[in-house]
Amino acid sequence: MATKKPAVAPEKRKEMMLKFLEANICITRTEYSRLTNVTDRRASSDLQEYLAEGIIRKRGGGRSVVYIKRNQE
């Protein structure tokens, strides 16, 4: 039986994503989900929250959506 990793706190998830974005141009919902060990639904919710806060920007549409740091143009 697979052991579930403990949930990562919201602030820690944001920190992990920002660190990932320092090393990479963009992040997808799936990458965010794997990185922070959350469900796809939670990942979508978190990313929408970061968009609303202005931390990240959305690029593309549909299945090819990626998220980039706000200050990158």
PDB file of N, CA and C in Angstrom:
ATOM      1  N   MET A   1       0.833  -1.191   0.000  1.00  0.00           N
ATOM      2  CA  MET A   1       0.000   0.000   0.000  1.00  0.00           C
ATOM      3  C   MET A   1       0.874   1.250   0.000  1.00  0.00           C
ATOM      4  N   ALA A   2       0.558   2.194  -0.849  1.00  0.00           N
ATOM      5  CA  ALA A   2       1.334   3.436  -0.937  1.00  0.00           C
ATOM      6  C   ALA A   2       1.097   4.289   0.302  1.00  0.00           C
ATOM      7  N   THR A   3       2.165   4.837   0.821  1.00  0.00           N
ATOM      8  CA  THR A   3       2.017   5.706   1.991  1.00  0.00           C
ATOM      9  C   THR A   3       1.799   7.133   1.515  1.00  0.00           C
ATOM     10  N   LYS A   4       0.821   7.786   2.108  1.00  0.00           N
ATOM     11  CA  LYS A   4       0.517   9.165   1.736  1.00  0.00           C
ATOM     12  C   LYS A   4       1.480  10.103   2.432  1.00  0.00           C
ATOM     13  N   LYS A   5       2.035  11.021   1.670  1.00  0.00           N
ATOM     14  CA  LYS A   5       2.906  12.030   2.268  1.00  0.00           C
ATOM     15  C   LYS A   5       2.032  13.018   3.028  1.00  0.00           C
ATOM     16  N   PRO A   6       2.573  13.595   4.096  1.00  0.00           N
ATOM     17  CA  PRO A   6       1.762  14.574   4.829  1.00  0.00           C
ATOM     18  C   PRO A   6       1.475  15.808   3.973  1.00  0.00           C
ATOM     19  N   ALA A   7       0.358  16.425   4.221  1.00  0.00           N
ATOM     20  CA  ALA A   7      -0.025  17.627   3.480  1.00  0.00           C
ATOM     21  C   ALA A   7       0.956  18.762   3.780  1.00  0.00           C
ATOM     22  N   VAL A   8       1.214  19.560   2.783  1.00  0.00           N
ATOM     23  CA  VAL A   8       2.113  20.704   2.923  1.00  0.00           C
ATOM     24  C   VAL A   8       1.271  21.941   3.254  1.00  0.00           C
ATOM     25  N   ALA A   9       1.705  22.723   4.222  1.00  0.00           N
ATOM     26  CA  ALA A   9       0.979  23.922   4.632  1.00  0.00           C
ATOM     27  C   ALA A   9       0.887  24.927   3.474  1.00  0.00           C
ATOM     28  N   PRO A  10      -0.221  25.696   3.393  1.00  0.00           N
ATOM     29  CA  PRO A  10      -0.418  26.650   2.289  1.00  0.00           C
ATOM     30  C   PRO A  10       0.753  27.607   2.053  1.00  0.00           C
ATOM     31  N   GLU A  11       1.288  28.191   3.112  1.00  0.00           N
ATOM     32  CA  GLU A  11       2.414  29.126   2.937  1.00  0.00           C
ATOM     33  C   GLU A  11       3.633  28.407   2.365  1.00  0.00           C
ATOM     34  N   LYS A  12       3.842  27.185   2.817  1.00  0.00           N
ATOM     35  CA  LYS A  12       4.970  26.381   2.333  1.00  0.00           C
ATOM     36  C   LYS A  12       4.776  26.043   0.853  1.00  0.00           C
ATOM     37  N   ARG A  13       3.529  25.754   0.461  1.00  0.00           N
ATOM     38  CA  ARG A  13       3.253  25.449  -0.956  1.00  0.00           C
ATOM     39  C   ARG A  13       3.592  26.645  -1.840  1.00  0.00           C
ATOM     40  N   LYS A  14       3.207  27.828  -1.380  1.00  0.00           N
ATOM     41  CA  LYS A  14       3.496  29.050  -2.143  1.00  0.00           C
ATOM     42  C   LYS A  14       5.006  29.232  -2.281  1.00  0.00           C
ATOM     43  N   GLU A  15       5.704  29.017  -1.180  1.00  0.00           N
ATOM     44  CA  GLU A  15       7.165  29.135  -1.158  1.00  0.00           C
ATOM     45  C   GLU A  15       7.810  28.133  -2.132  1.00  0.00           C
ATOM     46  N   MET A  16       7.313  26.897  -2.116  1.00  0.00           N
ATOM     47  CA  MET A  16       7.837  25.856  -3.005  1.00  0.00           C
ATOM     48  C   MET A  16       7.617  26.232  -4.467  1.00  0.00           C
ATOM     49  N   MET A  17       6.430  26.763  -4.774  1.00  0.00           N
ATOM     50  CA  MET A  17       6.127  27.160  -6.146  1.00  0.00           C
ATOM     51  C   MET A  17       7.049  28.297  -6.598  1.00  0.00           C
ATOM     52  N   LEU A  18       7.236  29.286  -5.738  1.00  0.00           N
ATOM     53  CA  LEU A  18       8.091  30.424  -6.099  1.00  0.00           C
ATOM     54  C   LEU A  18       9.541  29.985  -6.305  1.00  0.00           C
ATOM     55  N   LYS A  19      10.000  29.064  -5.489  1.00  0.00           N
ATOM     56  CA  LYS A  19      11.351  28.523  -5.637  1.00  0.00           C
ATOM     57  C   LYS A  19      11.459  27.772  -6.965  1.00  0.00           C
ATOM     58  N   PHE A  20      10.432  26.994  -7.296  1.00  0.00           N
ATOM     59  CA  PHE A  20      10.383  26.261  -8.562  1.00  0.00           C
ATOM     60  C   PHE A  20      10.447  27.250  -9.730  1.00  0.00           C
ATOM     61  N   LEU A  21       9.708  28.360  -9.609  1.00  0.00           N
ATOM     62  CA  LEU A  21       9.664  29.355 -10.684  1.00  0.00           C
ATOM     63  C   LEU A  21      10.964  30.151 -10.808  1.00  0.00           C
ATOM     64  N   GLU A  22      11.796  30.142  -9.773  1.00  0.00           N
ATOM     65  CA  GLU A  22      13.115  30.772  -9.893  1.00  0.00           C
ATOM     66  C   GLU A  22      14.015  29.921 -10.782  1.00  0.00           C
ATOM     67  N   ALA A  23      13.825  28.605 -10.725  1.00  0.00           N
ATOM     68  CA  ALA A  23      14.645  27.677 -11.497  1.00  0.00           C
ATOM     69  C   ALA A  23      14.049  27.355 -12.872  1.00  0.00           C
ATOM     70  N   ASN A  24      12.734  27.568 -13.012  1.00  0.00           N
ATOM     71  CA  ASN A  24      12.027  27.237 -14.252  1.00  0.00           C
ATOM     72  C   ASN A  24      11.206  28.434 -14.718  1.00  0.00           C
ATOM     73  N   ILE A  25      10.981  28.508 -16.015  1.00  0.00           N
ATOM     74  CA  ILE A  25      10.235  29.632 -16.578  1.00  0.00           C
ATOM     75  C   ILE A  25       8.771  29.610 -16.146  1.00  0.00           C
ATOM     76  N   CYS A  26       8.194  28.400 -16.125  1.00  0.00           N
ATOM     77  CA  CYS A  26       6.773  28.294 -15.818  1.00  0.00           C
ATOM     78  C   CYS A  26       6.476  27.007 -15.071  1.00  0.00           C
ATOM     79  N   ILE A  27       5.242  26.900 -14.598  1.00  0.00           N
ATOM     80  CA  ILE A  27       4.787  25.690 -13.903  1.00  0.00           C
ATOM     81  C   ILE A  27       3.374  25.366 -14.384  1.00  0.00           C
ATOM     82  N   THR A  28       3.089  24.086 -14.521  1.00  0.00           N
ATOM     83  CA  THR A  28       1.738  23.657 -14.881  1.00  0.00           C
ATOM     84  C   THR A  28       1.004  23.237 -13.611  1.00  0.00           C
ATOM     85  N   ARG A  29      -0.310  23.056 -13.713  1.00  0.00           N
ATOM     86  CA  ARG A  29      -1.064  22.599 -12.556  1.00  0.00           C
ATOM     87  C   ARG A  29      -0.573  21.232 -12.097  1.00  0.00           C
ATOM     88  N   THR A  30      -0.274  20.349 -13.061  1.00  0.00           N
ATOM     89  CA  THR A  30       0.198  19.005 -12.725  1.00  0.00           C
ATOM     90  C   THR A  30       1.539  19.063 -11.999  1.00  0.00           C
ATOM     91  N   GLU A  31       2.452  19.898 -12.494  1.00  0.00           N
ATOM     92  CA  GLU A  31       3.755  20.049 -11.821  1.00  0.00           C
ATOM     93  C   GLU A  31       3.563  20.587 -10.408  1.00  0.00           C
ATOM     94  N   TYR A  32       2.684  21.568 -10.266  1.00  0.00           N
ATOM     95  CA  TYR A  32       2.411  22.146  -8.945  1.00  0.00           C
ATOM     96  C   TYR A  32       1.842  21.080  -8.012  1.00  0.00           C
ATOM     97  N   SER A  33       0.921  20.282  -8.534  1.00  0.00           N
ATOM     98  CA  SER A  33       0.288  19.218  -7.758  1.00  0.00           C
ATOM     99  C   SER A  33       1.327  18.214  -7.254  1.00  0.00           C
ATOM    100  N   ARG A  34       2.235  17.803  -8.138  1.00  0.00           N
ATOM    101  CA  ARG A  34       3.292  16.846  -7.751  1.00  0.00           C
ATOM    102  C   ARG A  34       4.279  17.480  -6.786  1.00  0.00           C
ATOM    103  N   LEU A  35       4.664  18.705  -7.076  1.00  0.00           N
ATOM    104  CA  LEU A  35       5.644  19.422  -6.252  1.00  0.00           C
ATOM    105  C   LEU A  35       5.168  19.581  -4.813  1.00  0.00           C
ATOM    106  N   THR A  36       3.916  19.946  -4.660  1.00  0.00           N
ATOM    107  CA  THR A  36       3.396  20.251  -3.321  1.00  0.00           C
ATOM    108  C   THR A  36       2.596  19.099  -2.702  1.00  0.00           C
ATOM    109  N   ASN A  37       2.474  18.002  -3.461  1.00  0.00           N
ATOM    110  CA  ASN A  37       1.760  16.817  -2.986  1.00  0.00           C
ATOM    111  C   ASN A  37       0.300  17.101  -2.622  1.00  0.00           C
ATOM    112  N   VAL A  38      -0.382  17.796  -3.525  1.00  0.00           N
ATOM    113  CA  VAL A  38      -1.806  18.068  -3.330  1.00  0.00           C
ATOM    114  C   VAL A  38      -2.594  17.489  -4.509  1.00  0.00           C
ATOM    115  N   THR A  39      -3.906  17.388  -4.351  1.00  0.00           N
ATOM    116  CA  THR A  39      -4.765  16.895  -5.429  1.00  0.00           C
ATOM    117  C   THR A  39      -4.836  17.939  -6.545  1.00  0.00           C
ATOM    118  N   ASP A  40      -5.279  17.514  -7.721  1.00  0.00           N
ATOM    119  CA  ASP A  40      -5.447  18.446  -8.841  1.00  0.00           C
ATOM    120  C   ASP A  40      -6.425  19.558  -8.475  1.00  0.00           C
ATOM    121  N   ARG A  41      -7.486  19.191  -7.756  1.00  0.00           N
ATOM    122  CA  ARG A  41      -8.486  20.180  -7.351  1.00  0.00           C
ATOM    123  C   ARG A  41      -7.860  21.232  -6.432  1.00  0.00           C
ATOM    124  N   ARG A  42      -7.094  20.788  -5.457  1.00  0.00           N
ATOM    125  CA  ARG A  42      -6.410  21.710  -4.529  1.00  0.00           C
ATOM    126  C   ARG A  42      -5.399  22.573  -5.289  1.00  0.00           C
ATOM    127  N   ALA A  43      -4.684  21.945  -6.230  1.00  0.00           N
ATOM    128  CA  ALA A  43      -3.700  22.670  -7.037  1.00  0.00           C
ATOM    129  C   ALA A  43      -4.381  23.789  -7.825  1.00  0.00           C
ATOM    130  N   SER A  44      -5.506  23.477  -8.461  1.00  0.00           N
ATOM    131  CA  SER A  44      -6.256  24.482  -9.227  1.00  0.00           C
ATOM    132  C   SER A  44      -6.696  25.625  -8.319  1.00  0.00           C
ATOM    133  N   SER A  45      -7.200  25.265  -7.160  1.00  0.00           N
ATOM    134  CA  SER A  45      -7.659  26.247  -6.190  1.00  0.00           C
ATOM    135  C   SER A  45      -6.513  27.162  -5.742  1.00  0.00           C
ATOM    136  N   ASP A  46      -5.368  26.566  -5.402  1.00  0.00           N
ATOM    137  CA  ASP A  46      -4.193  27.342  -4.989  1.00  0.00           C
ATOM    138  C   ASP A  46      -3.753  28.290  -6.099  1.00  0.00           C
ATOM    139  N   LEU A  47      -3.660  27.761  -7.321  1.00  0.00           N
ATOM    140  CA  LEU A  47      -3.187  28.573  -8.441  1.00  0.00           C
ATOM    141  C   LEU A  47      -4.141  29.731  -8.725  1.00  0.00           C
ATOM    142  N   GLN A  48      -5.447  29.499  -8.602  1.00  0.00           N
ATOM    143  CA  GLN A  48      -6.425  30.578  -8.779  1.00  0.00           C
ATOM    144  C   GLN A  48      -6.227  31.658  -7.711  1.00  0.00           C
ATOM    145  N   GLU A  49      -5.927  31.211  -6.506  1.00  0.00           N
ATOM    146  CA  GLU A  49      -5.676  32.144  -5.404  1.00  0.00           C
ATOM    147  C   GLU A  49      -4.434  32.997  -5.685  1.00  0.00           C
ATOM    148  N   TYR A  50      -3.362  32.346  -6.173  1.00  0.00           N
ATOM    149  CA  TYR A  50      -2.120  33.079  -6.488  1.00  0.00           C
ATOM    150  C   TYR A  50      -2.348  34.053  -7.637  1.00  0.00           C
ATOM    151  N   LEU A  51      -3.189  33.664  -8.595  1.00  0.00           N
ATOM    152  CA  LEU A  51      -3.549  34.570  -9.698  1.00  0.00           C
ATOM    153  C   LEU A  51      -4.256  35.807  -9.136  1.00  0.00           C
ATOM    154  N   ALA A  52      -5.223  35.574  -8.257  1.00  0.00           N
ATOM    155  CA  ALA A  52      -5.996  36.673  -7.653  1.00  0.00           C
ATOM    156  C   ALA A  52      -5.102  37.588  -6.828  1.00  0.00           C
ATOM    157  N   GLU A  53      -4.098  37.010  -6.188  1.00  0.00           N
ATOM    158  CA  GLU A  53      -3.156  37.803  -5.382  1.00  0.00           C
ATOM    159  C   GLU A  53      -2.142  38.540  -6.251  1.00  0.00           C
ATOM    160  N   GLY A  54      -2.085  38.164  -7.535  1.00  0.00           N
ATOM    161  CA  GLY A  54      -1.148  38.822  -8.448  1.00  0.00           C
ATOM    162  C   GLY A  54       0.270  38.294  -8.363  1.00  0.00           C
ATOM    163  N   ILE A  55       0.459  37.127  -7.771  1.00  0.00           N
ATOM    164  CA  ILE A  55       1.787  36.528  -7.630  1.00  0.00           C
ATOM    165  C   ILE A  55       2.241  35.906  -8.940  1.00  0.00           C
ATOM    166  N   ILE A  56       1.281  35.297  -9.649  1.00  0.00           N
ATOM    167  CA  ILE A  56       1.585  34.631 -10.918  1.00  0.00           C
ATOM    168  C   ILE A  56       0.633  35.123 -12.002  1.00  0.00           C
ATOM    169  N   ARG A  57       1.003  34.823 -13.254  1.00  0.00           N
ATOM    170  CA  ARG A  57       0.149  35.126 -14.403  1.00  0.00           C
ATOM    171  C   ARG A  57      -0.102  33.846 -15.162  1.00  0.00           C
ATOM    172  N   LYS A  58      -1.242  33.797 -15.830  1.00  0.00           N
ATOM    173  CA  LYS A  58      -1.640  32.632 -16.608  1.00  0.00           C
ATOM    174  C   LYS A  58      -1.271  32.865 -18.067  1.00  0.00           C
ATOM    175  N   ARG A  59      -0.699  31.863 -18.690  1.00  0.00           N
ATOM    176  CA  ARG A  59      -0.374  31.915 -20.113  1.00  0.00           C
ATOM    177  C   ARG A  59      -0.990  30.725 -20.813  1.00  0.00           C
ATOM    178  N   GLY A  60      -1.512  30.934 -22.005  1.00  0.00           N
ATOM    179  CA  GLY A  60      -2.092  29.841 -22.768  1.00  0.00           C
ATOM    180  C   GLY A  60      -3.530  29.563 -22.351  1.00  0.00           C
ATOM    181  N   GLY A  61      -4.083  28.476 -22.850  1.00  0.00           N
ATOM    182  CA  GLY A  61      -5.457  28.128 -22.531  1.00  0.00           C
ATOM    183  C   GLY A  61      -5.692  26.639 -22.630  1.00  0.00           C
ATOM    184  N   GLY A  62      -6.790  26.209 -22.043  1.00  0.00           N
ATOM    185  CA  GLY A  62      -7.159  24.795 -22.103  1.00  0.00           C
ATOM    186  C   GLY A  62      -6.112  23.899 -21.481  1.00  0.00           C
ATOM    187  N   ARG A  63      -5.698  22.880 -22.238  1.00  0.00           N
ATOM    188  CA  ARG A  63      -4.726  21.916 -21.725  1.00  0.00           C
ATOM    189  C   ARG A  63      -3.301  22.453 -21.720  1.00  0.00           C
ATOM    190  N   SER A  64      -3.077  23.590 -22.361  1.00  0.00           N
ATOM    191  CA  SER A  64      -1.711  24.112 -22.429  1.00  0.00           C
ATOM    192  C   SER A  64      -1.502  25.349 -21.554  1.00  0.00           C
ATOM    193  N   VAL A  65      -2.261  25.455 -20.476  1.00  0.00           N
ATOM    194  CA  VAL A  65      -2.087  26.580 -19.546  1.00  0.00           C
ATOM    195  C   VAL A  65      -0.823  26.373 -18.731  1.00  0.00           C
ATOM    196  N   VAL A  66      -0.035  27.440 -18.640  1.00  0.00           N
ATOM    197  CA  VAL A  66       1.122  27.451 -17.747  1.00  0.00           C
ATOM    198  C   VAL A  66       1.040  28.719 -16.905  1.00  0.00           C
ATOM    199  N   TYR A  67       1.730  28.722 -15.791  1.00  0.00           N
ATOM    200  CA  TYR A  67       1.739  29.868 -14.895  1.00  0.00           C
ATOM    201  C   TYR A  67       3.170  30.383 -14.781  1.00  0.00           C
ATOM    202  N   ILE A  68       3.311  31.702 -14.872  1.00  0.00           N
ATOM    203  CA  ILE A  68       4.631  32.325 -14.769  1.00  0.00           C
ATOM    204  C   ILE A  68       4.613  33.347 -13.638  1.00  0.00           C
ATOM    205  N   LYS A  69       5.808  33.675 -13.156  1.00  0.00           N
ATOM    206  CA  LYS A  69       5.883  34.698 -12.114  1.00  0.00           C
ATOM    207  C   LYS A  69       5.398  36.024 -12.672  1.00  0.00           C
ATOM    208  N   ARG A  70       4.705  36.786 -11.856  1.00  0.00           N
ATOM    209  CA  ARG A  70       4.079  38.035 -12.267  1.00  0.00           C
ATOM    210  C   ARG A  70       5.058  39.020 -12.908  1.00  0.00           C
ATOM    211  N   ASN A  71       6.251  39.132 -12.345  1.00  0.00           N
ATOM    212  CA  ASN A  71       7.194  40.145 -12.845  1.00  0.00           C
ATOM    213  C   ASN A  71       7.954  39.731 -14.094  1.00  0.00           C
ATOM    214  N   GLN A  72       7.650  38.553 -14.651  1.00  0.00           N
ATOM    215  CA  GLN A  72       8.293  38.121 -15.889  1.00  0.00           C
ATOM    216  C   GLN A  72       7.397  38.458 -17.064  1.00  0.00           C
ATOM    217  N   GLU A  73       7.921  39.192 -18.000  1.00  0.00           N
ATOM    218  CA  GLU A  73       7.133  39.532 -19.194  1.00  0.00           C
ATOM    219  C   GLU A  73       7.716  38.859 -20.407  1.00  0.00           C
TER     220      GLU A  73
END
